[in-house]
C-alpha atoms as a PDB file:
ATOM      1  CA  MET A   1      32.881 -62.971 -69.721  1.00  0.00           C
ATOM      2  CA  SER A   2      35.518 -60.507 -68.505  1.00  0.00           C
ATOM      3  CA  GLY A   3      34.814 -57.323 -66.604  1.00  0.00           C
ATOM      4  CA  LYS A   4      35.465 -55.255 -69.710  1.00  0.00           C
ATOM      5  CA  GLU A   5      33.057 -57.348 -71.693  1.00  0.00           C
ATOM      6  CA  LYS A   6      30.367 -57.072 -69.055  1.00  0.00           C
ATOM      7  CA  LEU A   7      30.670 -53.312 -68.916  1.00  0.00           C
ATOM      8  CA  LEU A   8      30.597 -53.087 -72.676  1.00  0.00           C
ATOM      9  CA  ALA A   9      27.528 -55.214 -72.891  1.00  0.00           C
ATOM     10  CA  LYS A  10      25.817 -53.107 -70.251  1.00  0.00           C
ATOM     11  CA  LEU A  11      26.831 -49.858 -72.203  1.00  0.00           C
ATOM     12  CA  LEU A  12      25.525 -51.233 -75.478  1.00  0.00           C
ATOM     13  CA  ALA A  13      22.203 -52.664 -74.096  1.00  0.00           C
ATOM     14  CA  LYS A  14      18.985 -51.780 -75.796  1.00  0.00           C
ATOM     15  CA  PRO A  15      17.201 -49.798 -74.476  1.00  0.00           C
ATOM     16  CA  MET A  16      20.079 -47.542 -73.414  1.00  0.00           C
ATOM     17  CA  PRO A  17      20.922 -48.036 -69.736  1.00  0.00           C
ATOM     18  CA  LYS A  18      19.747 -45.447 -67.139  1.00  0.00           C
ATOM     19  CA  ASP A  19      22.006 -46.786 -64.443  1.00  0.00           C
ATOM     20  CA  PHE A  20      25.607 -46.634 -65.988  1.00  0.00           C
ATOM     21  CA  THR A  21      27.547 -44.920 -63.207  1.00  0.00           C
ATOM     22  CA  LYS A  22      30.609 -42.698 -63.299  1.00  0.00           C
ATOM     23  CA  GLN A  23      32.516 -45.442 -61.450  1.00  0.00           C
ATOM     24  CA  GLN A  24      31.624 -48.006 -64.099  1.00  0.00           C
ATOM     25  CA  LEU A  25      32.738 -45.653 -66.796  1.00  0.00           C
ATOM     26  CA  ASP A  26      36.096 -45.001 -64.930  1.00  0.00           C
ATOM     27  CA  SER A  27      36.580 -48.845 -64.761  1.00  0.00           C
ATOM     28  CA  LEU A  28      35.597 -49.413 -68.450  1.00  0.00           C
ATOM     29  CA  MET A  29      37.773 -46.570 -69.705  1.00  0.00           C
ATOM     30  CA  SER A  30      40.733 -47.874 -67.755  1.00  0.00           C
ATOM     31  CA  LYS A  31      40.270 -51.400 -69.093  1.00  0.00           C
ATOM     32  CA  CYS A  32      40.261 -49.902 -72.623  1.00  0.00           C
ATOM     33  CA  GLY A  33      43.655 -48.215 -72.085  1.00  0.00           C
ATOM     34  CA  CYS A  34      42.458 -44.655 -71.238  1.00  0.00           C
ATOM     35  CA  ILE A  35      43.829 -42.364 -68.609  1.00  0.00           C
ATOM     36  CA  LYS A  36      41.457 -40.158 -66.583  1.00  0.00           C
ATOM     37  CA  MET A  37      42.594 -36.629 -66.165  1.00  0.00           C
ATOM     38  CA  ALA A  38      41.683 -34.631 -63.150  1.00  0.00           C
ATOM     39  CA  GLY A  39      41.700 -30.914 -62.562  1.00  0.00           C
ATOM     40  CA  GLY A  40      40.537 -28.181 -64.779  1.00  0.00           C
ATOM     41  CA  ARG A  41      37.612 -25.988 -64.274  1.00  0.00           C
ATOM     42  CA  GLY A  42      34.158 -27.097 -63.167  1.00  0.00           C
ATOM     43  CA  SER A  43      32.981 -30.601 -62.975  1.00  0.00           C
ATOM     44  CA  SER A  44      34.189 -32.053 -66.261  1.00  0.00           C
ATOM     45  CA  ILE A  45      35.381 -35.578 -66.979  1.00  0.00           C
ATOM     46  CA  LYS A  46      38.304 -36.090 -69.198  1.00  0.00           C
ATOM     47  CA  TYR A  47      39.767 -39.292 -70.592  1.00  0.00           C
ATOM     48  CA  ILE A  48      42.844 -39.508 -72.806  1.00  0.00           C
ATOM     49  CA  TYR A  49      43.846 -42.444 -75.055  1.00  0.00           C
ATOM     50  CA  ARG A  50      47.392 -42.276 -76.326  1.00  0.00           C
ATOM     51  CA  ILE A  51      47.562 -43.721 -79.970  1.00  0.00           C
ATOM     52  CA  ASN A  52      51.308 -43.069 -80.174  1.00  0.00           C
ATOM     53  CA  ALA A  53      53.971 -40.813 -78.803  1.00  0.00           C
ATOM     54  CA  HIS A  54      52.632 -37.688 -80.635  1.00  0.00           C
ATOM     55  CA  THR A  55      48.830 -38.462 -81.025  1.00  0.00           C
ATOM     56  CA  THR A  56      46.072 -38.684 -78.383  1.00  0.00           C
ATOM     57  CA  LYS A  57      42.254 -38.749 -78.545  1.00  0.00           C
ATOM     58  CA  LYS A  58      40.237 -37.124 -75.831  1.00  0.00           C
ATOM     59  CA  LEU A  59      36.770 -37.631 -74.481  1.00  0.00           C
ATOM     60  CA  ILE A  60      35.463 -34.702 -72.452  1.00  0.00           C
ATOM     61  CA  PHE A  61      32.084 -33.936 -70.960  1.00  0.00           C
ATOM     62  CA  ASP A  62      30.497 -32.400 -67.888  1.00  0.00           C
ATOM     63  CA  GLU A  63      29.928 -34.788 -64.949  1.00  0.00           C
ATOM     64  CA  PRO A  64      26.443 -35.799 -64.363  1.00  0.00           C
ATOM     65  CA  HIS A  65      24.835 -34.121 -61.241  1.00  0.00           C
ATOM     66  CA  PRO A  66      23.225 -34.200 -58.898  1.00  0.00           C
ATOM     67  CA  GLY A  67      23.093 -38.031 -59.499  1.00  0.00           C
ATOM     68  CA  ASN A  68      25.735 -40.560 -60.294  1.00  0.00           C
ATOM     69  CA  ASN A  69      24.330 -42.137 -63.467  1.00  0.00           C
ATOM     70  CA  LEU A  70      25.424 -40.984 -66.935  1.00  0.00           C
ATOM     71  CA  TYR A  71      22.880 -39.284 -69.214  1.00  0.00           C
ATOM     72  CA  SER A  72      21.975 -40.768 -72.567  1.00  0.00           C
ATOM     73  CA  TYR A  73      23.902 -38.139 -74.554  1.00  0.00           C
ATOM     74  CA  GLN A  74      26.975 -39.022 -72.427  1.00  0.00           C
ATOM     75  CA  ILE A  75      26.599 -42.710 -73.199  1.00  0.00           C
ATOM     76  CA  GLU A  76      26.293 -41.933 -76.859  1.00  0.00           C
ATOM     77  CA  LYS A  77      29.543 -39.923 -76.773  1.00  0.00           C
ATOM     78  CA  VAL A  78      31.344 -42.827 -74.909  1.00  0.00           C
ATOM     79  CA  ILE A  79      30.217 -45.277 -77.515  1.00  0.00           C
ATOM     80  CA  GLU A  80      31.374 -43.016 -80.324  1.00  0.00           C
ATOM     81  CA  PHE A  81      34.735 -42.473 -78.544  1.00  0.00           C
ATOM     82  CA  LEU A  82      35.340 -46.276 -77.982  1.00  0.00           C
ATOM     83  CA  LYS A  83      34.547 -46.895 -81.711  1.00  0.00           C
ATOM     84  CA  SER A  84      37.066 -44.149 -82.664  1.00  0.00           C
ATOM     85  CA  ILE A  85      39.912 -45.765 -80.671  1.00  0.00           C
ATOM     86  CA  GLY A  86      39.106 -49.266 -82.000  1.00  0.00           C
ATOM     87  CA  GLN A  87      37.576 -50.709 -78.846  1.00  0.00           C
ATOM     88  CA  LEU A  88      34.189 -51.233 -80.528  1.00  0.00           C
ATOM     89  CA  ASP A  89      33.256 -52.183 -84.120  1.00  0.00           C
END
């Protein structure tokens, strides 16, 4: 099982994982072809997936704090985003 497959399995586990970290998300999104964008205002996380030269899809949400683990609504957004870019069925 590849690193991407392991991270996807953890992300999709039932019940929803309470220990999926920002670092694991960075790794998974990178393996799915997304680019993490830095900067902007506040503590937001932004990933961009380039479909073609003129079309992109974006995933944006506030960074979890004070902890390092993603909240359940953030995991749901990640799953929905990965489905929309064809990384999940």
